[in-house]
Amino acid sequence: MVSLTNRRSVMTLFSGQCDPYSHQIRLVLAIKGVPADIVEVDPETKPEDLLDLNPYGTLPTLVERDLVLYQADVIMEFLDERFPHPPLLPVYPVARANSRTITHRMRQDWYGHYETINLAVNAKEVTVARKQLSESLLSSAPLFSKKPFFMSDEFSLLDCYLAPLLWRLPSLEISLPESADVIYDYAERIFKIPAFQSSLTELERELR
């Protein structure tokens, strides 16, 4: 493992072309202007380098010299600490804890439904997951109107976490009602940010 990482003088991200968790990392890198060698990986034919570096062979996987990270939340927080400008996490401990709690809930609830929609073989499960994701987003609509960004006055890690999911709603066959306009308005503001546009792969551009 050490010899492989030492060969990489530039930060390397093993990234799925349509994987939302890889998209989260690409967005953080773009927001911070961090150069990285992005290796697009086909999940069906993973390169030996990735399997040697990451015992689980999961995406995304970030490599910087002797450091190998392979969990999206951990990677995002590492990048925010490693490259502190612009900051994406709150400065104060209580606010940081609240931010981590929100990302955990998004991961368990919204991304949990996303994974069910993509992985379930039972059509009924997919239909239920679409309904649950739509209803959960809709019930959270007031949170999108209180601040310029998601629950924050500044662009934050929460936006990096959430935006890749919202980008994928059309491909999930999810269309929110008119009462969710505030969510669409938020999403369009984020999607227009140059860093978001540069974080997209060609396959991701085709999702909308």
C-alpha atoms as a PDB file:
ATOM      1  CA  MET A   1       0.000   0.000   0.000  1.00  0.00           C
ATOM      2  CA  VAL A   2       2.776   2.438   0.891  1.00  0.00           C
ATOM      3  CA  SER A   3       4.561   2.004  -2.423  1.00  0.00           C
ATOM      4  CA  LEU A   4       1.349   2.672  -4.320  1.00  0.00           C
ATOM      5  CA  THR A   5       0.546   5.845  -2.435  1.00  0.00           C
ATOM      6  CA  ASN A   6       4.111   7.146  -2.632  1.00  0.00           C
ATOM      7  CA  ARG A   7       3.909   6.871  -6.407  1.00  0.00           C
ATOM      8  CA  ARG A   8       1.101   9.436  -6.379  1.00  0.00           C
ATOM      9  CA  SER A   9       2.640  12.875  -5.998  1.00  0.00           C
ATOM     10  CA  VAL A  10      -0.732  14.543  -6.706  1.00  0.00           C
ATOM     11  CA  MET A  11      -3.882  14.008  -4.672  1.00  0.00           C
ATOM     12  CA  THR A  12      -5.903  11.287  -6.390  1.00  0.00           C
ATOM     13  CA  LEU A  13      -9.634  10.695  -6.228  1.00  0.00           C
ATOM     14  CA  PHE A  14     -11.059   7.395  -7.414  1.00  0.00           C
ATOM     15  CA  SER A  15     -14.522   8.514  -8.434  1.00  0.00           C
ATOM     16  CA  GLY A  16     -17.685   6.966  -9.808  1.00  0.00           C
ATOM     17  CA  GLN A  17     -18.978   8.774 -12.889  1.00  0.00           C
ATOM     18  CA  CYS A  18     -22.582   8.798 -11.615  1.00  0.00           C
ATOM     19  CA  ASP A  19     -21.975   8.115  -7.932  1.00  0.00           C
ATOM     20  CA  PRO A  20     -23.479  10.911  -5.762  1.00  0.00           C
ATOM     21  CA  TYR A  21     -20.941  10.382  -2.988  1.00  0.00           C
ATOM     22  CA  SER A  22     -18.064  10.823  -5.440  1.00  0.00           C
ATOM     23  CA  HIS A  23     -19.893  13.876  -6.740  1.00  0.00           C
ATOM     24  CA  GLN A  24     -19.908  15.322  -3.221  1.00  0.00           C
ATOM     25  CA  ILE A  25     -16.109  15.074  -3.082  1.00  0.00           C
ATOM     26  CA  ARG A  26     -15.640  16.514  -6.562  1.00  0.00           C
ATOM     27  CA  LEU A  27     -17.803  19.447  -5.530  1.00  0.00           C
ATOM     28  CA  VAL A  28     -15.724  20.110  -2.406  1.00  0.00           C
ATOM     29  CA  LEU A  29     -12.532  19.979  -4.487  1.00  0.00           C
ATOM     30  CA  ALA A  30     -14.032  22.398  -7.019  1.00  0.00           C
ATOM     31  CA  ILE A  31     -15.274  24.842  -4.378  1.00  0.00           C
ATOM     32  CA  LYS A  32     -11.843  24.942  -2.778  1.00  0.00           C
ATOM     33  CA  GLY A  33      -9.950  24.986  -6.073  1.00  0.00           C
ATOM     34  CA  VAL A  34      -7.867  21.971  -5.086  1.00  0.00           C
ATOM     35  CA  PRO A  35      -6.114  20.240  -7.994  1.00  0.00           C
ATOM     36  CA  ALA A  36      -6.553  16.488  -8.006  1.00  0.00           C
ATOM     37  CA  ASP A  37      -6.072  13.597 -10.375  1.00  0.00           C
ATOM     38  CA  ILE A  38      -9.616  12.259 -10.759  1.00  0.00           C
ATOM     39  CA  VAL A  39      -9.695   8.625 -11.847  1.00  0.00           C
ATOM     40  CA  GLU A  40     -13.120   7.680 -13.184  1.00  0.00           C
ATOM     41  CA  VAL A  41     -13.918   4.128 -12.144  1.00  0.00           C
ATOM     42  CA  ASP A  42     -16.405   1.688 -13.588  1.00  0.00           C
ATOM     43  CA  PRO A  43     -17.870  -0.081 -10.527  1.00  0.00           C
ATOM     44  CA  GLU A  44     -18.007  -3.317 -12.517  1.00  0.00           C
ATOM     45  CA  THR A  45     -14.292  -3.270 -13.398  1.00  0.00           C
ATOM     46  CA  LYS A  46     -12.423  -1.651 -10.542  1.00  0.00           C
ATOM     47  CA  PRO A  47      -8.682  -1.076 -11.091  1.00  0.00           C
ATOM     48  CA  GLU A  48      -6.157  -3.086  -9.074  1.00  0.00           C
ATOM     49  CA  ASP A  49      -4.770   0.128  -7.571  1.00  0.00           C
ATOM     50  CA  LEU A  50      -8.100   0.874  -5.945  1.00  0.00           C
ATOM     51  CA  LEU A  51      -8.484  -2.654  -4.585  1.00  0.00           C
ATOM     52  CA  ASP A  52      -4.951  -2.539  -3.170  1.00  0.00           C
ATOM     53  CA  LEU A  53      -5.528   0.823  -1.510  1.00  0.00           C
ATOM     54  CA  ASN A  54      -9.043   0.307  -0.207  1.00  0.00           C
ATOM     55  CA  PRO A  55      -9.908  -3.093   1.311  1.00  0.00           C
ATOM     56  CA  TYR A  56     -13.584  -2.525   0.494  1.00  0.00           C
ATOM     57  CA  GLY A  57     -13.033  -1.311  -3.063  1.00  0.00           C
ATOM     58  CA  THR A  58     -15.620   1.421  -2.507  1.00  0.00           C
ATOM     59  CA  LEU A  59     -16.050   4.804  -4.132  1.00  0.00           C
ATOM     60  CA  PRO A  60     -15.071   7.508  -3.529  1.00  0.00           C
ATOM     61  CA  THR A  61     -11.502   6.806  -2.391  1.00  0.00           C
ATOM     62  CA  LEU A  62      -9.058   9.673  -1.830  1.00  0.00           C
ATOM     63  CA  VAL A  63      -5.289   9.222  -1.827  1.00  0.00           C
ATOM     64  CA  GLU A  64      -2.748  11.804  -0.728  1.00  0.00           C
ATOM     65  CA  ARG A  65       0.765  10.433  -0.320  1.00  0.00           C
ATOM     66  CA  ASP A  66       0.513   7.827   2.455  1.00  0.00           C
ATOM     67  CA  LEU A  67      -3.052   8.734   3.400  1.00  0.00           C
ATOM     68  CA  VAL A  68      -5.976   6.745   2.028  1.00  0.00           C
ATOM     69  CA  LEU A  69      -9.560   7.691   2.883  1.00  0.00           C
ATOM     70  CA  TYR A  70     -12.631   5.871   1.636  1.00  0.00           C
ATOM     71  CA  GLN A  71     -15.735   7.239   3.328  1.00  0.00           C
ATOM     72  CA  ALA A  72     -17.369  10.339   1.834  1.00  0.00           C
ATOM     73  CA  ASP A  73     -18.124  12.124   5.113  1.00  0.00           C
ATOM     74  CA  VAL A  74     -14.574  11.566   6.344  1.00  0.00           C
ATOM     75  CA  ILE A  75     -13.089  12.723   3.037  1.00  0.00           C
ATOM     76  CA  MET A  76     -15.142  15.934   2.989  1.00  0.00           C
ATOM     77  CA  GLU A  77     -14.150  16.884   6.530  1.00  0.00           C
ATOM     78  CA  PHE A  78     -10.501  16.065   5.824  1.00  0.00           C
ATOM     79  CA  LEU A  79     -10.504  18.304   2.754  1.00  0.00           C
ATOM     80  CA  ASP A  80     -12.103  21.128   4.722  1.00  0.00           C
ATOM     81  CA  GLU A  81      -9.404  20.903   7.385  1.00  0.00           C
ATOM     82  CA  ARG A  82      -6.571  20.312   4.930  1.00  0.00           C
ATOM     83  CA  PHE A  83      -7.610  23.254   2.729  1.00  0.00           C
ATOM     84  CA  PRO A  84      -9.350  25.697   5.084  1.00  0.00           C
ATOM     85  CA  HIS A  85     -10.348  28.357   2.529  1.00  0.00           C
ATOM     86  CA  PRO A  86     -13.182  28.784   1.962  1.00  0.00           C
ATOM     87  CA  PRO A  87     -14.336  27.080   5.167  1.00  0.00           C
ATOM     88  CA  LEU A  88     -17.245  24.681   4.699  1.00  0.00           C
ATOM     89  CA  LEU A  89     -17.813  23.678   8.311  1.00  0.00           C
ATOM     90  CA  PRO A  90     -18.791  26.056  11.130  1.00  0.00           C
ATOM     91  CA  VAL A  91     -16.036  27.285  13.424  1.00  0.00           C
ATOM     92  CA  TYR A  92     -17.779  26.663  16.743  1.00  0.00           C
ATOM     93  CA  PRO A  93     -18.101  23.120  18.176  1.00  0.00           C
ATOM     94  CA  VAL A  94     -21.868  23.243  18.747  1.00  0.00           C
ATOM     95  CA  ALA A  95     -22.530  24.453  15.199  1.00  0.00           C
ATOM     96  CA  ARG A  96     -20.168  21.783  13.831  1.00  0.00           C
ATOM     97  CA  ALA A  97     -21.981  19.106  15.805  1.00  0.00           C
ATOM     98  CA  ASN A  98     -25.319  20.315  14.444  1.00  0.00           C
ATOM     99  CA  SER A  99     -23.930  20.227  10.894  1.00  0.00           C
ATOM    100  CA  ARG A 100     -22.711  16.650  11.379  1.00  0.00           C
ATOM    101  CA  THR A 101     -26.098  15.637  12.773  1.00  0.00           C
ATOM    102  CA  ILE A 102     -27.872  17.087   9.742  1.00  0.00           C
ATOM    103  CA  THR A 103     -25.559  15.289   7.294  1.00  0.00           C
ATOM    104  CA  HIS A 104     -26.110  12.040   9.189  1.00  0.00           C
ATOM    105  CA  ARG A 105     -29.881  12.452   8.884  1.00  0.00           C
ATOM    106  CA  MET A 106     -29.603  13.235   5.168  1.00  0.00           C
ATOM    107  CA  ARG A 107     -27.458  10.139   4.721  1.00  0.00           C
ATOM    108  CA  GLN A 108     -29.834   7.892   6.643  1.00  0.00           C
ATOM    109  CA  ASP A 109     -33.090   9.279   5.274  1.00  0.00           C
ATOM    110  CA  TRP A 110     -32.769  10.990   1.883  1.00  0.00           C
ATOM    111  CA  TYR A 111     -29.787   9.036   0.610  1.00  0.00           C
ATOM    112  CA  GLY A 112     -31.238   5.884   2.135  1.00  0.00           C
ATOM    113  CA  HIS A 113     -34.296   6.296  -0.101  1.00  0.00           C
ATOM    114  CA  TYR A 114     -31.999   7.097  -3.041  1.00  0.00           C
ATOM    115  CA  GLU A 115     -30.151   3.826  -2.564  1.00  0.00           C
ATOM    116  CA  THR A 116     -33.387   1.862  -2.306  1.00  0.00           C
ATOM    117  CA  ILE A 117     -34.606   3.362  -5.584  1.00  0.00           C
ATOM    118  CA  ASN A 118     -31.361   2.408  -7.315  1.00  0.00           C
ATOM    119  CA  LEU A 119     -30.750  -0.992  -5.761  1.00  0.00           C
ATOM    120  CA  ALA A 120     -34.169  -2.510  -5.051  1.00  0.00           C
ATOM    121  CA  VAL A 121     -35.286  -5.298  -7.388  1.00  0.00           C
ATOM    122  CA  ASN A 122     -38.879  -5.088  -6.213  1.00  0.00           C
ATOM    123  CA  ALA A 123     -40.901  -2.451  -8.097  1.00  0.00           C
ATOM    124  CA  LYS A 124     -43.117  -1.863  -5.076  1.00  0.00           C
ATOM    125  CA  GLU A 125     -40.086  -1.009  -2.918  1.00  0.00           C
ATOM    126  CA  VAL A 126     -38.943   1.507  -5.529  1.00  0.00           C
ATOM    127  CA  THR A 127     -42.364   3.147  -5.649  1.00  0.00           C
ATOM    128  CA  VAL A 128     -42.511   3.384  -1.861  1.00  0.00           C
ATOM    129  CA  ALA A 129     -38.976   4.822  -1.683  1.00  0.00           C
ATOM    130  CA  ARG A 130     -39.799   7.464  -4.319  1.00  0.00           C
ATOM    131  CA  LYS A 131     -42.886   8.470  -2.334  1.00  0.00           C
ATOM    132  CA  GLN A 132     -40.975   8.589   0.944  1.00  0.00           C
ATOM    133  CA  LEU A 133     -38.146  10.675  -0.523  1.00  0.00           C
ATOM    134  CA  SER A 134     -40.602  13.100  -2.120  1.00  0.00           C
ATOM    135  CA  GLU A 135     -42.605  13.479   1.093  1.00  0.00           C
ATOM    136  CA  SER A 136     -39.477  13.883   3.219  1.00  0.00           C
ATOM    137  CA  LEU A 137     -38.088  16.607   0.966  1.00  0.00           C
ATOM    138  CA  LEU A 138     -41.441  18.335   0.818  1.00  0.00           C
ATOM    139  CA  SER A 139     -41.809  18.320   4.605  1.00  0.00           C
ATOM    140  CA  SER A 140     -38.371  19.975   4.828  1.00  0.00           C
ATOM    141  CA  ALA A 141     -39.229  22.728   2.333  1.00  0.00           C
ATOM    142  CA  PRO A 142     -39.331  25.489   5.010  1.00  0.00           C
ATOM    143  CA  LEU A 143     -35.646  24.805   5.755  1.00  0.00           C
ATOM    144  CA  PHE A 144     -34.750  25.888   2.223  1.00  0.00           C
ATOM    145  CA  SER A 145     -36.274  29.341   2.589  1.00  0.00           C
ATOM    146  CA  LYS A 146     -34.809  30.489   5.889  1.00  0.00           C
ATOM    147  CA  LYS A 147     -31.246  31.067   4.640  1.00  0.00           C
ATOM    148  CA  PRO A 148     -29.535  31.756   1.285  1.00  0.00           C
ATOM    149  CA  PHE A 149     -27.970  28.301   1.442  1.00  0.00           C
ATOM    150  CA  PHE A 150     -29.176  25.133   3.160  1.00  0.00           C
ATOM    151  CA  MET A 151     -29.623  26.177   6.797  1.00  0.00           C
ATOM    152  CA  SER A 152     -26.681  28.557   6.455  1.00  0.00           C
ATOM    153  CA  ASP A 153     -25.819  32.106   5.387  1.00  0.00           C
ATOM    154  CA  GLU A 154     -22.750  30.771   3.572  1.00  0.00           C
ATOM    155  CA  PHE A 155     -22.144  27.892   1.179  1.00  0.00           C
ATOM    156  CA  SER A 156     -21.262  24.930   3.390  1.00  0.00           C
ATOM    157  CA  LEU A 157     -20.618  21.218   3.500  1.00  0.00           C
ATOM    158  CA  LEU A 158     -24.383  20.728   3.794  1.00  0.00           C
ATOM    159  CA  ASP A 159     -24.784  22.123   0.268  1.00  0.00           C
ATOM    160  CA  CYS A 160     -22.020  19.854  -1.010  1.00  0.00           C
ATOM    161  CA  TYR A 161     -23.831  16.934   0.565  1.00  0.00           C
ATOM    162  CA  LEU A 162     -27.313  17.812  -0.660  1.00  0.00           C
ATOM    163  CA  ALA A 163     -26.840  19.245  -4.163  1.00  0.00           C
ATOM    164  CA  PRO A 164     -25.755  15.973  -5.858  1.00  0.00           C
ATOM    165  CA  LEU A 165     -28.969  14.334  -4.641  1.00  0.00           C
ATOM    166  CA  LEU A 166     -31.193  17.152  -5.908  1.00  0.00           C
ATOM    167  CA  TRP A 167     -29.409  17.035  -9.272  1.00  0.00           C
ATOM    168  CA  ARG A 168     -30.470  13.395  -9.585  1.00  0.00           C
ATOM    169  CA  LEU A 169     -34.185  13.819  -8.838  1.00  0.00           C
ATOM    170  CA  PRO A 170     -35.269  13.747 -12.534  1.00  0.00           C
ATOM    171  CA  SER A 171     -33.321  10.525 -13.103  1.00  0.00           C
ATOM    172  CA  LEU A 172     -35.076   9.061 -10.052  1.00  0.00           C
ATOM    173  CA  GLU A 173     -38.422   9.946 -11.673  1.00  0.00           C
ATOM    174  CA  ILE A 174     -39.218  12.297  -8.816  1.00  0.00           C
ATOM    175  CA  SER A 175     -41.097  15.501  -9.529  1.00  0.00           C
ATOM    176  CA  LEU A 176     -42.004  17.625  -6.535  1.00  0.00           C
ATOM    177  CA  PRO A 177     -45.283  19.608  -6.482  1.00  0.00           C
ATOM    178  CA  GLU A 178     -45.554  23.382  -6.880  1.00  0.00           C
ATOM    179  CA  SER A 179     -45.485  23.773  -3.117  1.00  0.00           C
ATOM    180  CA  ALA A 180     -41.820  22.732  -3.320  1.00  0.00           C
ATOM    181  CA  ASP A 181     -40.817  25.716  -5.451  1.00  0.00           C
ATOM    182  CA  VAL A 182     -38.491  26.888  -2.699  1.00  0.00           C
ATOM    183  CA  ILE A 183     -36.515  23.642  -3.091  1.00  0.00           C
ATOM    184  CA  TYR A 184     -36.276  24.075  -6.860  1.00  0.00           C
ATOM    185  CA  ASP A 185     -35.207  27.706  -6.415  1.00  0.00           C
ATOM    186  CA  TYR A 186     -32.475  26.643  -4.001  1.00  0.00           C
ATOM    187  CA  ALA A 187     -31.325  23.864  -6.323  1.00  0.00           C
ATOM    188  CA  GLU A 188     -31.119  26.130  -9.361  1.00  0.00           C
ATOM    189  CA  ARG A 189     -29.027  28.661  -7.421  1.00  0.00           C
ATOM    190  CA  ILE A 190     -26.573  25.940  -6.453  1.00  0.00           C
ATOM    191  CA  PHE A 191     -26.514  24.360  -9.919  1.00  0.00           C
ATOM    192  CA  LYS A 192     -25.514  27.698 -11.477  1.00  0.00           C
ATOM    193  CA  ILE A 193     -22.400  28.017  -9.307  1.00  0.00           C
ATOM    194  CA  PRO A 194     -19.357  27.502 -11.590  1.00  0.00           C
ATOM    195  CA  ALA A 195     -17.787  25.051  -9.137  1.00  0.00           C
ATOM    196  CA  PHE A 196     -20.894  22.884  -9.258  1.00  0.00           C
ATOM    197  CA  GLN A 197     -20.857  22.870 -13.042  1.00  0.00           C
ATOM    198  CA  SER A 198     -17.186  21.929 -13.107  1.00  0.00           C
ATOM    199  CA  SER A 199     -17.810  19.095 -10.630  1.00  0.00           C
ATOM    200  CA  LEU A 200     -20.134  17.278 -13.052  1.00  0.00           C
ATOM    201  CA  THR A 201     -19.011  14.354 -15.176  1.00  0.00           C
ATOM    202  CA  GLU A 202     -20.343  13.939 -18.699  1.00  0.00           C
ATOM    203  CA  LEU A 203     -22.642  11.150 -17.535  1.00  0.00           C
ATOM    204  CA  GLU A 204     -23.989  13.319 -14.732  1.00  0.00           C
ATOM    205  CA  ARG A 205     -24.781  16.130 -17.167  1.00  0.00           C
ATOM    206  CA  GLU A 206     -26.972  13.657 -19.040  1.00  0.00           C
ATOM    207  CA  LEU A 207     -29.062  12.970 -15.928  1.00  0.00           C
ATOM    208  CA  ARG A 208     -31.035  16.190 -16.439  1.00  0.00           C
END
